[in-house]
Amino acid sequence: MPKMNPLTYPYALGAIAVIWAVTYALRAFPFVALRGKEESPLVRLVATSMPLGVMVILVVYALMDTDFHALSSWVPAVGGILITAAIHWKWANAMASIVAGIATYWALGMLLA
């Protein structure tokens, strides 16, 4: 691997500084833009509907390449989704439901492989 020229160090540090500043600004922007608007009906609607929307997108993505003609393809996916939903509905614990869903998916995948 070629060595880096010491004359390019300032440019590399400048690039890292710009990347850091842009990343920091993008992460801080929503907090600054929504300051004082916590009681806005729009913010309340987004806060209540966003988790469901994200989960729908994840379920659709998880099932996108599933071959519903092969039992070993769809049973682990659907089983994992059902277990995840049931545990989250019963205990409302995201970590427990995700771990149980992944474990179910893995176990069914191993059994049907």
PDB file of N, CA and C in Angstrom:
ATOM      1  N   MET A   1       0.846  -1.158   0.000  1.00  0.00           N
ATOM      2  CA  MET A   1       0.000   0.000   0.000  1.00  0.00           C
ATOM      3  C   MET A   1       0.909   1.243   0.000  1.00  0.00           C
ATOM      4  N   PRO A   2       0.608   2.235  -0.852  1.00  0.00           N
ATOM      5  CA  PRO A   2       1.460   3.428  -0.895  1.00  0.00           C
ATOM      6  C   PRO A   2       1.295   4.266   0.364  1.00  0.00           C
ATOM      7  N   LYS A   3       2.381   4.929   0.719  1.00  0.00           N
ATOM      8  CA  LYS A   3       2.349   5.799   1.892  1.00  0.00           C
ATOM      9  C   LYS A   3       1.663   7.105   1.536  1.00  0.00           C
ATOM     10  N   MET A   4       1.022   7.682   2.542  1.00  0.00           N
ATOM     11  CA  MET A   4       0.364   8.969   2.345  1.00  0.00           C
ATOM     12  C   MET A   4       1.398  10.079   2.404  1.00  0.00           C
ATOM     13  N   ASN A   5       1.302  11.001   1.485  1.00  0.00           N
ATOM     14  CA  ASN A   5       2.209  12.134   1.428  1.00  0.00           C
ATOM     15  C   ASN A   5       1.908  13.088   2.585  1.00  0.00           C
ATOM     16  N   PRO A   6       2.891  13.445   3.403  1.00  0.00           N
ATOM     17  CA  PRO A   6       2.641  14.362   4.529  1.00  0.00           C
ATOM     18  C   PRO A   6       2.064  15.707   4.101  1.00  0.00           C
ATOM     19  N   LEU A   7       2.253  16.088   2.855  1.00  0.00           N
ATOM     20  CA  LEU A   7       1.693  17.351   2.389  1.00  0.00           C
ATOM     21  C   LEU A   7       0.174  17.305   2.258  1.00  0.00           C
ATOM     22  N   THR A   8      -0.395  16.079   2.209  1.00  0.00           N
ATOM     23  CA  THR A   8      -1.850  15.951   2.086  1.00  0.00           C
ATOM     24  C   THR A   8      -2.556  15.854   3.428  1.00  0.00           C
ATOM     25  N   TYR A   9      -1.818  15.819   4.518  1.00  0.00           N
ATOM     26  CA  TYR A   9      -2.444  15.737   5.848  1.00  0.00           C
ATOM     27  C   TYR A   9      -3.424  16.875   6.098  1.00  0.00           C
ATOM     28  N   PRO A  10      -3.080  18.120   5.811  1.00  0.00           N
ATOM     29  CA  PRO A  10      -4.055  19.193   6.064  1.00  0.00           C
ATOM     30  C   PRO A  10      -5.348  19.005   5.263  1.00  0.00           C
ATOM     31  N   TYR A  11      -5.232  18.512   4.045  1.00  0.00           N
ATOM     32  CA  TYR A  11      -6.424  18.287   3.239  1.00  0.00           C
ATOM     33  C   TYR A  11      -7.285  17.173   3.824  1.00  0.00           C
ATOM     34  N   ALA A  12      -6.627  16.128   4.290  1.00  0.00           N
ATOM     35  CA  ALA A  12      -7.362  15.016   4.902  1.00  0.00           C
ATOM     36  C   ALA A  12      -8.054  15.479   6.180  1.00  0.00           C
ATOM     37  N   LEU A  13      -7.348  16.240   6.998  1.00  0.00           N
ATOM     38  CA  LEU A  13      -7.965  16.761   8.229  1.00  0.00           C
ATOM     39  C   LEU A  13      -9.104  17.718   7.905  1.00  0.00           C
ATOM     40  N   GLY A  14      -8.937  18.511   6.864  1.00  0.00           N
ATOM     41  CA  GLY A  14     -10.018  19.408   6.441  1.00  0.00           C
ATOM     42  C   GLY A  14     -11.240  18.633   5.983  1.00  0.00           C
ATOM     43  N   ALA A  15     -11.021  17.558   5.230  1.00  0.00           N
ATOM     44  CA  ALA A  15     -12.136  16.725   4.767  1.00  0.00           C
ATOM     45  C   ALA A  15     -12.853  16.085   5.952  1.00  0.00           C
ATOM     46  N   ILE A  16     -12.091  15.600   6.911  1.00  0.00           N
ATOM     47  CA  ILE A  16     -12.700  14.995   8.110  1.00  0.00           C
ATOM     48  C   ILE A  16     -13.495  16.039   8.879  1.00  0.00           C
ATOM     49  N   ALA A  17     -12.971  17.259   8.987  1.00  0.00           N
ATOM     50  CA  ALA A  17     -13.684  18.332   9.689  1.00  0.00           C
ATOM     51  C   ALA A  17     -14.991  18.682   8.987  1.00  0.00           C
ATOM     52  N   VAL A  18     -14.974  18.738   7.657  1.00  0.00           N
ATOM     53  CA  VAL A  18     -16.198  19.039   6.906  1.00  0.00           C
ATOM     54  C   VAL A  18     -17.213  17.915   7.081  1.00  0.00           C
ATOM     55  N   ILE A  19     -16.766  16.683   6.998  1.00  0.00           N
ATOM     56  CA  ILE A  19     -17.665  15.532   7.187  1.00  0.00           C
ATOM     57  C   ILE A  19     -18.282  15.574   8.581  1.00  0.00           C
ATOM     58  N   TRP A  20     -17.463  15.872   9.592  1.00  0.00           N
ATOM     59  CA  TRP A  20     -17.974  15.949  10.965  1.00  0.00           C
ATOM     60  C   TRP A  20     -19.007  17.060  11.086  1.00  0.00           C
ATOM     61  N   ALA A  21     -18.721  18.235  10.525  1.00  0.00           N
ATOM     62  CA  ALA A  21     -19.637  19.376  10.650  1.00  0.00           C
ATOM     63  C   ALA A  21     -20.976  19.095   9.963  1.00  0.00           C
ATOM     64  N   VAL A  22     -20.930  18.512   8.779  1.00  0.00           N
ATOM     65  CA  VAL A  22     -22.175  18.208   8.072  1.00  0.00           C
ATOM     66  C   VAL A  22     -22.977  17.158   8.824  1.00  0.00           C
ATOM     67  N   THR A  23     -22.322  16.115   9.300  1.00  0.00           N
ATOM     68  CA  THR A  23     -23.012  15.074  10.068  1.00  0.00           C
ATOM     69  C   THR A  23     -23.639  15.651  11.327  1.00  0.00           C
ATOM     70  N   TYR A  24     -22.890  16.463  12.053  1.00  0.00           N
ATOM     71  CA  TYR A  24     -23.400  17.079  13.279  1.00  0.00           C
ATOM     72  C   TYR A  24     -24.608  17.970  12.982  1.00  0.00           C
ATOM     73  N   ALA A  25     -24.502  18.776  11.921  1.00  0.00           N
ATOM     74  CA  ALA A  25     -25.605  19.671  11.560  1.00  0.00           C
ATOM     75  C   ALA A  25     -26.855  18.887  11.176  1.00  0.00           C
ATOM     76  N   LEU A  26     -26.678  17.812  10.423  1.00  0.00           N
ATOM     77  CA  LEU A  26     -27.831  17.007  10.022  1.00  0.00           C
ATOM     78  C   LEU A  26     -28.485  16.317  11.216  1.00  0.00           C
ATOM     79  N   ARG A  27     -27.691  15.902  12.176  1.00  0.00           N
ATOM     80  CA  ARG A  27     -28.264  15.262  13.374  1.00  0.00           C
ATOM     81  C   ARG A  27     -28.955  16.274  14.278  1.00  0.00           C
ATOM     82  N   ALA A  28     -28.438  17.500  14.334  1.00  0.00           N
ATOM     83  CA  ALA A  28     -29.001  18.522  15.222  1.00  0.00           C
ATOM     84  C   ALA A  28     -30.208  19.228  14.617  1.00  0.00           C
ATOM     85  N   PHE A  29     -30.311  19.245  13.289  1.00  0.00           N
ATOM     86  CA  PHE A  29     -31.359  20.008  12.618  1.00  0.00           C
ATOM     87  C   PHE A  29     -32.775  19.697  13.101  1.00  0.00           C
ATOM     88  N   PRO A  30     -33.203  18.431  13.206  1.00  0.00           N
ATOM     89  CA  PRO A  30     -34.584  18.177  13.652  1.00  0.00           C
ATOM     90  C   PRO A  30     -34.876  18.736  15.039  1.00  0.00           C
ATOM     91  N   PHE A  31     -33.898  18.677  15.938  1.00  0.00           N
ATOM     92  CA  PHE A  31     -34.120  19.191  17.291  1.00  0.00           C
ATOM     93  C   PHE A  31     -34.257  20.702  17.287  1.00  0.00           C
ATOM     94  N   VAL A  32     -33.467  21.372  16.484  1.00  0.00           N
ATOM     95  CA  VAL A  32     -33.530  22.834  16.399  1.00  0.00           C
ATOM     96  C   VAL A  32     -34.800  23.260  15.677  1.00  0.00           C
ATOM     97  N   ALA A  33     -35.144  22.584  14.594  1.00  0.00           N
ATOM     98  CA  ALA A  33     -36.310  22.961  13.799  1.00  0.00           C
ATOM     99  C   ALA A  33     -37.621  22.730  14.555  1.00  0.00           C
ATOM    100  N   LEU A  34     -37.674  21.722  15.409  1.00  0.00           N
ATOM    101  CA  LEU A  34     -38.917  21.392  16.115  1.00  0.00           C
ATOM    102  C   LEU A  34     -38.978  21.944  17.528  1.00  0.00           C
ATOM    103  N   ARG A  35     -37.999  22.757  17.913  1.00  0.00           N
ATOM    104  CA  ARG A  35     -38.006  23.339  19.258  1.00  0.00           C
ATOM    105  C   ARG A  35     -39.266  24.196  19.430  1.00  0.00           C
ATOM    106  N   GLY A  36     -40.022  23.926  20.477  1.00  0.00           N
ATOM    107  CA  GLY A  36     -41.236  24.681  20.765  1.00  0.00           C
ATOM    108  C   GLY A  36     -42.459  24.182  20.029  1.00  0.00           C
ATOM    109  N   LYS A  37     -42.318  23.169  19.212  1.00  0.00           N
ATOM    110  CA  LYS A  37     -43.455  22.652  18.440  1.00  0.00           C
ATOM    111  C   LYS A  37     -43.879  21.271  18.927  1.00  0.00           C
ATOM    112  N   GLU A  38     -43.504  20.916  20.144  1.00  0.00           N
ATOM    113  CA  GLU A  38     -43.809  19.584  20.657  1.00  0.00           C
ATOM    114  C   GLU A  38     -45.310  19.316  20.731  1.00  0.00           C
ATOM    115  N   GLU A  39     -46.104  20.360  20.889  1.00  0.00           N
ATOM    116  CA  GLU A  39     -47.549  20.198  21.010  1.00  0.00           C
ATOM    117  C   GLU A  39     -48.266  20.367  19.678  1.00  0.00           C
ATOM    118  N   SER A  40     -47.521  20.469  18.588  1.00  0.00           N
ATOM    119  CA  SER A  40     -48.111  20.621  17.264  1.00  0.00           C
ATOM    120  C   SER A  40     -48.871  19.353  16.878  1.00  0.00           C
ATOM    121  N   PRO A  41     -50.060  19.491  16.294  1.00  0.00           N
ATOM    122  CA  PRO A  41     -50.804  18.302  15.861  1.00  0.00           C
ATOM    123  C   PRO A  41     -50.028  17.468  14.836  1.00  0.00           C
ATOM    124  N   LEU A  42     -49.268  18.123  13.965  1.00  0.00           N
ATOM    125  CA  LEU A  42     -48.484  17.400  12.974  1.00  0.00           C
ATOM    126  C   LEU A  42     -47.386  16.574  13.636  1.00  0.00           C
ATOM    127  N   VAL A  43     -46.681  17.178  14.599  1.00  0.00           N
ATOM    128  CA  VAL A  43     -45.619  16.457  15.303  1.00  0.00           C
ATOM    129  C   VAL A  43     -46.210  15.286  16.085  1.00  0.00           C
ATOM    130  N   ARG A  44     -47.361  15.498  16.704  1.00  0.00           N
ATOM    131  CA  ARG A  44     -48.025  14.432  17.450  1.00  0.00           C
ATOM    132  C   ARG A  44     -48.438  13.285  16.520  1.00  0.00           C
ATOM    133  N   LEU A  45     -48.959  13.620  15.328  1.00  0.00           N
ATOM    134  CA  LEU A  45     -49.356  12.607  14.353  1.00  0.00           C
ATOM    135  C   LEU A  45     -48.149  11.799  13.879  1.00  0.00           C
ATOM    136  N   VAL A  46     -47.056  12.479  13.569  1.00  0.00           N
ATOM    137  CA  VAL A  46     -45.850  11.781  13.112  1.00  0.00           C
ATOM    138  C   VAL A  46     -45.302  10.895  14.224  1.00  0.00           C
ATOM    139  N   ALA A  47     -45.306  11.396  15.460  1.00  0.00           N
ATOM    140  CA  ALA A  47     -44.778  10.621  16.586  1.00  0.00           C
ATOM    141  C   ALA A  47     -45.596   9.358  16.833  1.00  0.00           C
ATOM    142  N   THR A  48     -46.893   9.404  16.571  1.00  0.00           N
ATOM    143  CA  THR A  48     -47.717   8.224  16.823  1.00  0.00           C
ATOM    144  C   THR A  48     -47.748   7.273  15.634  1.00  0.00           C
ATOM    145  N   SER A  49     -47.592   7.774  14.416  1.00  0.00           N
ATOM    146  CA  SER A  49     -47.704   6.902  13.250  1.00  0.00           C
ATOM    147  C   SER A  49     -46.361   6.410  12.716  1.00  0.00           C
ATOM    148  N   MET A  50     -45.265   7.060  13.061  1.00  0.00           N
ATOM    149  CA  MET A  50     -43.956   6.684  12.519  1.00  0.00           C
ATOM    150  C   MET A  50     -43.531   5.261  12.909  1.00  0.00           C
ATOM    151  N   PRO A  51     -43.660   4.840  14.170  1.00  0.00           N
ATOM    152  CA  PRO A  51     -43.236   3.467  14.496  1.00  0.00           C
ATOM    153  C   PRO A  51     -43.980   2.400  13.686  1.00  0.00           C
ATOM    154  N   LEU A  52     -45.273   2.564  13.497  1.00  0.00           N
ATOM    155  CA  LEU A  52     -46.038   1.596  12.705  1.00  0.00           C
ATOM    156  C   LEU A  52     -45.576   1.622  11.251  1.00  0.00           C
ATOM    157  N   GLY A  53     -45.346   2.789  10.721  1.00  0.00           N
ATOM    158  CA  GLY A  53     -44.878   2.906   9.344  1.00  0.00           C
ATOM    159  C   GLY A  53     -43.534   2.241   9.140  1.00  0.00           C
ATOM    160  N   VAL A  54     -42.631   2.438  10.084  1.00  0.00           N
ATOM    161  CA  VAL A  54     -41.312   1.809   9.992  1.00  0.00           C
ATOM    162  C   VAL A  54     -41.446   0.292  10.047  1.00  0.00           C
ATOM    163  N   MET A  55     -42.290  -0.222  10.928  1.00  0.00           N
ATOM    164  CA  MET A  55     -42.468  -1.667  11.033  1.00  0.00           C
ATOM    165  C   MET A  55     -43.078  -2.254   9.757  1.00  0.00           C
ATOM    166  N   VAL A  56     -44.028  -1.545   9.160  1.00  0.00           N
ATOM    167  CA  VAL A  56     -44.619  -2.029   7.906  1.00  0.00           C
ATOM    168  C   VAL A  56     -43.550  -2.107   6.819  1.00  0.00           C
ATOM    169  N   ILE A  57     -42.712  -1.084   6.730  1.00  0.00           N
ATOM    170  CA  ILE A  57     -41.639  -1.086   5.738  1.00  0.00           C
ATOM    171  C   ILE A  57     -40.684  -2.255   5.983  1.00  0.00           C
ATOM    172  N   LEU A  58     -40.328  -2.513   7.255  1.00  0.00           N
ATOM    173  CA  LEU A  58     -39.424  -3.613   7.563  1.00  0.00           C
ATOM    174  C   LEU A  58     -40.036  -4.975   7.241  1.00  0.00           C
ATOM    175  N   VAL A  59     -41.325  -5.151   7.508  1.00  0.00           N
ATOM    176  CA  VAL A  59     -41.986  -6.427   7.205  1.00  0.00           C
ATOM    177  C   VAL A  59     -42.050  -6.642   5.693  1.00  0.00           C
ATOM    178  N   VAL A  60     -42.405  -5.592   4.960  1.00  0.00           N
ATOM    179  CA  VAL A  60     -42.463  -5.720   3.498  1.00  0.00           C
ATOM    180  C   VAL A  60     -41.077  -6.034   2.952  1.00  0.00           C
ATOM    181  N   TYR A  61     -40.053  -5.369   3.466  1.00  0.00           N
ATOM    182  CA  TYR A  61     -38.690  -5.631   3.011  1.00  0.00           C
ATOM    183  C   TYR A  61     -38.260  -7.064   3.348  1.00  0.00           C
ATOM    184  N   ALA A  62     -38.651  -7.547   4.534  1.00  0.00           N
ATOM    185  CA  ALA A  62     -38.279  -8.903   4.941  1.00  0.00           C
ATOM    186  C   ALA A  62     -38.945  -9.956   4.057  1.00  0.00           C
ATOM    187  N   LEU A  63     -40.139  -9.669   3.582  1.00  0.00           N
ATOM    188  CA  LEU A  63     -40.871 -10.643   2.772  1.00  0.00           C
ATOM    189  C   LEU A  63     -40.680 -10.442   1.269  1.00  0.00           C
ATOM    190  N   MET A  64     -39.938  -9.421   0.878  1.00  0.00           N
ATOM    191  CA  MET A  64     -39.811  -9.062  -0.529  1.00  0.00           C
ATOM    192  C   MET A  64     -39.261 -10.195  -1.392  1.00  0.00           C
ATOM    193  N   ASP A  65     -38.230 -10.874  -0.948  1.00  0.00           N
ATOM    194  CA  ASP A  65     -37.607 -11.932  -1.743  1.00  0.00           C
ATOM    195  C   ASP A  65     -38.043 -13.330  -1.323  1.00  0.00           C
ATOM    196  N   THR A  66     -39.116 -13.413  -0.571  1.00  0.00           N
ATOM    197  CA  THR A  66     -39.587 -14.706  -0.089  1.00  0.00           C
ATOM    198  C   THR A  66     -40.274 -15.471  -1.211  1.00  0.00           C
ATOM    199  N   ASP A  67     -39.888 -16.717  -1.363  1.00  0.00           N
ATOM    200  CA  ASP A  67     -40.514 -17.597  -2.354  1.00  0.00           C
ATOM    201  C   ASP A  67     -41.644 -18.340  -1.647  1.00  0.00           C
ATOM    202  N   PHE A  68     -42.880 -17.950  -1.921  1.00  0.00           N
ATOM    203  CA  PHE A  68     -44.012 -18.540  -1.224  1.00  0.00           C
ATOM    204  C   PHE A  68     -44.380 -19.929  -1.750  1.00  0.00           C
ATOM    205  N   HIS A  69     -43.645 -20.422  -2.736  1.00  0.00           N
ATOM    206  CA  HIS A  69     -43.853 -21.783  -3.218  1.00  0.00           C
ATOM    207  C   HIS A  69     -42.998 -22.778  -2.441  1.00  0.00           C
ATOM    208  N   ALA A  70     -41.949 -22.287  -1.782  1.00  0.00           N
ATOM    209  CA  ALA A  70     -41.045 -23.155  -1.019  1.00  0.00           C
ATOM    210  C   ALA A  70     -41.322 -22.974   0.472  1.00  0.00           C
ATOM    211  N   LEU A  71     -41.723 -24.043   1.119  1.00  0.00           N
ATOM    212  CA  LEU A  71     -42.055 -24.008   2.544  1.00  0.00           C
ATOM    213  C   LEU A  71     -40.890 -23.497   3.381  1.00  0.00           C
ATOM    214  N   SER A  72     -39.679 -23.884   3.029  1.00  0.00           N
ATOM    215  CA  SER A  72     -38.511 -23.490   3.815  1.00  0.00           C
ATOM    216  C   SER A  72     -38.180 -22.005   3.657  1.00  0.00           C
ATOM    217  N   SER A  73     -38.835 -21.333   2.743  1.00  0.00           N
ATOM    218  CA  SER A  73     -38.589 -19.905   2.550  1.00  0.00           C
ATOM    219  C   SER A  73     -39.575 -19.049   3.323  1.00  0.00           C
ATOM    220  N   TRP A  74     -40.856 -19.361   3.240  1.00  0.00           N
ATOM    221  CA  TRP A  74     -41.836 -18.470   3.854  1.00  0.00           C
ATOM    222  C   TRP A  74     -42.182 -18.810   5.302  1.00  0.00           C
ATOM    223  N   VAL A  75     -42.066 -20.049   5.703  1.00  0.00           N
ATOM    224  CA  VAL A  75     -42.435 -20.406   7.082  1.00  0.00           C
ATOM    225  C   VAL A  75     -41.539 -19.714   8.118  1.00  0.00           C
ATOM    226  N   PRO A  76     -40.213 -19.700   7.968  1.00  0.00           N
ATOM    227  CA  PRO A  76     -39.395 -18.980   8.951  1.00  0.00           C
ATOM    228  C   PRO A  76     -39.697 -17.476   8.988  1.00  0.00           C
ATOM    229  N   ALA A  77     -39.897 -16.879   7.818  1.00  0.00           N
ATOM    230  CA  ALA A  77     -40.171 -15.436   7.769  1.00  0.00           C
ATOM    231  C   ALA A  77     -41.501 -15.107   8.432  1.00  0.00           C
ATOM    232  N   VAL A  78     -42.540 -15.806   8.073  1.00  0.00           N
ATOM    233  CA  VAL A  78     -43.866 -15.540   8.637  1.00  0.00           C
ATOM    234  C   VAL A  78     -43.897 -15.914  10.119  1.00  0.00           C
ATOM    235  N   GLY A  79     -43.263 -17.027  10.484  1.00  0.00           N
ATOM    236  CA  GLY A  79     -43.199 -17.410  11.901  1.00  0.00           C
ATOM    237  C   GLY A  79     -42.483 -16.370  12.746  1.00  0.00           C
ATOM    238  N   GLY A  80     -41.364 -15.865  12.254  1.00  0.00           N
ATOM    239  CA  GLY A  80     -40.634 -14.824  12.982  1.00  0.00           C
ATOM    240  C   GLY A  80     -41.438 -13.555  13.129  1.00  0.00           C
ATOM    241  N   ILE A  81     -42.142 -13.174  12.079  1.00  0.00           N
ATOM    242  CA  ILE A  81     -42.978 -11.965  12.139  1.00  0.00           C
ATOM    243  C   ILE A  81     -44.123 -12.157  13.121  1.00  0.00           C
ATOM    244  N   LEU A  82     -44.773 -13.311  13.092  1.00  0.00           N
ATOM    245  CA  LEU A  82     -45.897 -13.557  14.009  1.00  0.00           C
ATOM    246  C   LEU A  82     -45.445 -13.586  15.470  1.00  0.00           C
ATOM    247  N   ILE A  83     -44.330 -14.232  15.746  1.00  0.00           N
ATOM    248  CA  ILE A  83     -43.818 -14.274  17.124  1.00  0.00           C
ATOM    249  C   ILE A  83     -43.426 -12.877  17.585  1.00  0.00           C
ATOM    250  N   THR A  84     -42.756 -12.120  16.714  1.00  0.00           N
ATOM    251  CA  THR A  84     -42.370 -10.748  17.061  1.00  0.00           C
ATOM    252  C   THR A  84     -43.605  -9.926  17.394  1.00  0.00           C
ATOM    253  N   ALA A  85     -44.632 -10.005  16.551  1.00  0.00           N
ATOM    254  CA  ALA A  85     -45.858  -9.231  16.781  1.00  0.00           C
ATOM    255  C   ALA A  85     -46.568  -9.671  18.057  1.00  0.00           C
ATOM    256  N   ALA A  86     -46.654 -10.979  18.286  1.00  0.00           N
ATOM    257  CA  ALA A  86     -47.362 -11.475  19.471  1.00  0.00           C
ATOM    258  C   ALA A  86     -46.667 -11.054  20.757  1.00  0.00           C
ATOM    259  N   ILE A  87     -45.364 -11.179  20.803  1.00  0.00           N
ATOM    260  CA  ILE A  87     -44.644 -10.809  22.029  1.00  0.00           C
ATOM    261  C   ILE A  87     -44.697  -9.304  22.252  1.00  0.00           C
ATOM    262  N   HIS A  88     -44.597  -8.543  21.184  1.00  0.00           N
ATOM    263  CA  HIS A  88     -44.671  -7.091  21.358  1.00  0.00           C
ATOM    264  C   HIS A  88     -46.078  -6.657  21.774  1.00  0.00           C
ATOM    265  N   TRP A  89     -47.102  -7.325  21.248  1.00  0.00           N
ATOM    266  CA  TRP A  89     -48.474  -7.000  21.621  1.00  0.00           C
ATOM    267  C   TRP A  89     -48.738  -7.351  23.088  1.00  0.00           C
ATOM    268  N   LYS A  90     -48.185  -8.461  23.545  1.00  0.00           N
ATOM    269  CA  LYS A  90     -48.418  -8.924  24.918  1.00  0.00           C
ATOM    270  C   LYS A  90     -47.631  -8.105  25.935  1.00  0.00           C
ATOM    271  N   TRP A  91     -46.335  -7.861  25.691  1.00  0.00           N
ATOM    272  CA  TRP A  91     -45.489  -7.224  26.699  1.00  0.00           C
ATOM    273  C   TRP A  91     -44.969  -5.840  26.317  1.00  0.00           C
ATOM    274  N   ALA A  92     -45.150  -5.402  25.085  1.00  0.00           N
ATOM    275  CA  ALA A  92     -44.681  -4.097  24.593  1.00  0.00           C
ATOM    276  C   ALA A  92     -43.197  -3.885  24.891  1.00  0.00           C
ATOM    277  N   ASN A  93     -42.413  -4.928  24.712  1.00  0.00           N
ATOM    278  CA  ASN A  93     -40.976  -4.858  24.934  1.00  0.00           C
ATOM    279  C   ASN A  93     -40.281  -5.109  23.592  1.00  0.00           C
ATOM    280  N   ALA A  94     -39.746  -4.030  23.008  1.00  0.00           N
ATOM    281  CA  ALA A  94     -39.157  -4.136  21.674  1.00  0.00           C
ATOM    282  C   ALA A  94     -37.992  -5.115  21.647  1.00  0.00           C
ATOM    283  N   MET A  95     -37.133  -5.052  22.650  1.00  0.00           N
ATOM    284  CA  MET A  95     -35.953  -5.928  22.655  1.00  0.00           C
ATOM    285  C   MET A  95     -36.365  -7.397  22.731  1.00  0.00           C
ATOM    286  N   ALA A  96     -37.281  -7.720  23.613  1.00  0.00           N
ATOM    287  CA  ALA A  96     -37.720  -9.113  23.752  1.00  0.00           C
ATOM    288  C   ALA A  96     -38.396  -9.606  22.481  1.00  0.00           C
ATOM    289  N   SER A  97     -39.217  -8.768  21.875  1.00  0.00           N
ATOM    290  CA  SER A  97     -39.919  -9.200  20.670  1.00  0.00           C
ATOM    291  C   SER A  97     -38.959  -9.383  19.495  1.00  0.00           C
ATOM    292  N   ILE A  98     -37.973  -8.506  19.366  1.00  0.00           N
ATOM    293  CA  ILE A  98     -37.006  -8.636  18.271  1.00  0.00           C
ATOM    294  C   ILE A  98     -36.150  -9.881  18.454  1.00  0.00           C
ATOM    295  N   VAL A  99     -35.658 -10.098  19.669  1.00  0.00           N
ATOM    296  CA  VAL A  99     -34.821 -11.277  19.932  1.00  0.00           C
ATOM    297  C   VAL A  99     -35.616 -12.559  19.703  1.00  0.00           C
ATOM    298  N   ALA A 100     -36.847 -12.603  20.197  1.00  0.00           N
ATOM    299  CA  ALA A 100     -37.676 -13.799  20.014  1.00  0.00           C
ATOM    300  C   ALA A 100     -38.001 -14.029  18.541  1.00  0.00           C
ATOM    301  N   GLY A 101     -38.269 -12.952  17.801  1.00  0.00           N
ATOM    302  CA  GLY A 101     -38.565 -13.087  16.376  1.00  0.00           C
ATOM    303  C   GLY A 101     -37.375 -13.600  15.595  1.00  0.00           C
ATOM    304  N   ILE A 102     -36.194 -13.066  15.892  1.00  0.00           N
ATOM    305  CA  ILE A 102     -34.987 -13.527  15.206  1.00  0.00           C
ATOM    306  C   ILE A 102     -34.691 -14.979  15.568  1.00  0.00           C
ATOM    307  N   ALA A 103     -34.854 -15.338  16.846  1.00  0.00           N
ATOM    308  CA  ALA A 103     -34.619 -16.715  17.270  1.00  0.00           C
ATOM    309  C   ALA A 103     -35.598 -17.668  16.587  1.00  0.00           C
ATOM    310  N   THR A 104     -36.850 -17.252  16.475  1.00  0.00           N
ATOM    311  CA  THR A 104     -37.853 -18.086  15.797  1.00  0.00           C
ATOM    312  C   THR A 104     -37.500 -18.259  14.327  1.00  0.00           C
ATOM    313  N   TYR A 105     -37.139 -17.164  13.680  1.00  0.00           N
ATOM    314  CA  TYR A 105     -36.743 -17.223  12.268  1.00  0.00           C
ATOM    315  C   TYR A 105     -35.562 -18.174  12.080  1.00  0.00           C
ATOM    316  N   TRP A 106     -34.566 -18.041  12.942  1.00  0.00           N
ATOM    317  CA  TRP A 106     -33.376 -18.884  12.845  1.00  0.00           C
ATOM    318  C   TRP A 106     -33.729 -20.360  13.079  1.00  0.00           C
ATOM    319  N   ALA A 107     -34.501 -20.625  14.151  1.00  0.00           N
ATOM    320  CA  ALA A 107     -34.832 -22.010  14.491  1.00  0.00           C
ATOM    321  C   ALA A 107     -35.669 -22.667  13.383  1.00  0.00           C
ATOM    322  N   LEU A 108     -36.661 -21.953  12.875  1.00  0.00           N
ATOM    323  CA  LEU A 108     -37.465 -22.519  11.796  1.00  0.00           C
ATOM    324  C   LEU A 108     -36.630 -22.712  10.523  1.00  0.00           C
ATOM    325  N   GLY A 109     -35.738 -21.786  10.286  1.00  0.00           N
ATOM    326  CA  GLY A 109     -34.856 -21.927   9.127  1.00  0.00           C
ATOM    327  C   GLY A 109     -33.955 -23.148   9.232  1.00  0.00           C
ATOM    328  N   MET A 110     -33.446 -23.422  10.449  1.00  0.00           N
ATOM    329  CA  MET A 110     -32.605 -24.599  10.648  1.00  0.00           C
ATOM    330  C   MET A 110     -33.412 -25.882  10.549  1.00  0.00           C
ATOM    331  N   LEU A 111     -34.621 -25.878  11.076  1.00  0.00           N
ATOM    332  CA  LEU A 111     -35.459 -27.080  11.038  1.00  0.00           C
ATOM    333  C   LEU A 111     -35.904 -27.428   9.621  1.00  0.00           C
ATOM    334  N   LEU A 112     -36.165 -26.420   8.816  1.00  0.00           N
ATOM    335  CA  LEU A 112     -36.702 -26.663   7.476  1.00  0.00           C
ATOM    336  C   LEU A 112     -35.631 -26.693   6.387  1.00  0.00           C
ATOM    337  N   ALA A 113     -34.381 -26.474   6.766  1.00  0.00           N
ATOM    338  CA  ALA A 113     -33.308 -26.444   5.744  1.00  0.00           C
ATOM    339  C   ALA A 113     -32.982 -27.834   5.253  1.00  0.00           C
TER     340      ALA A 113
END
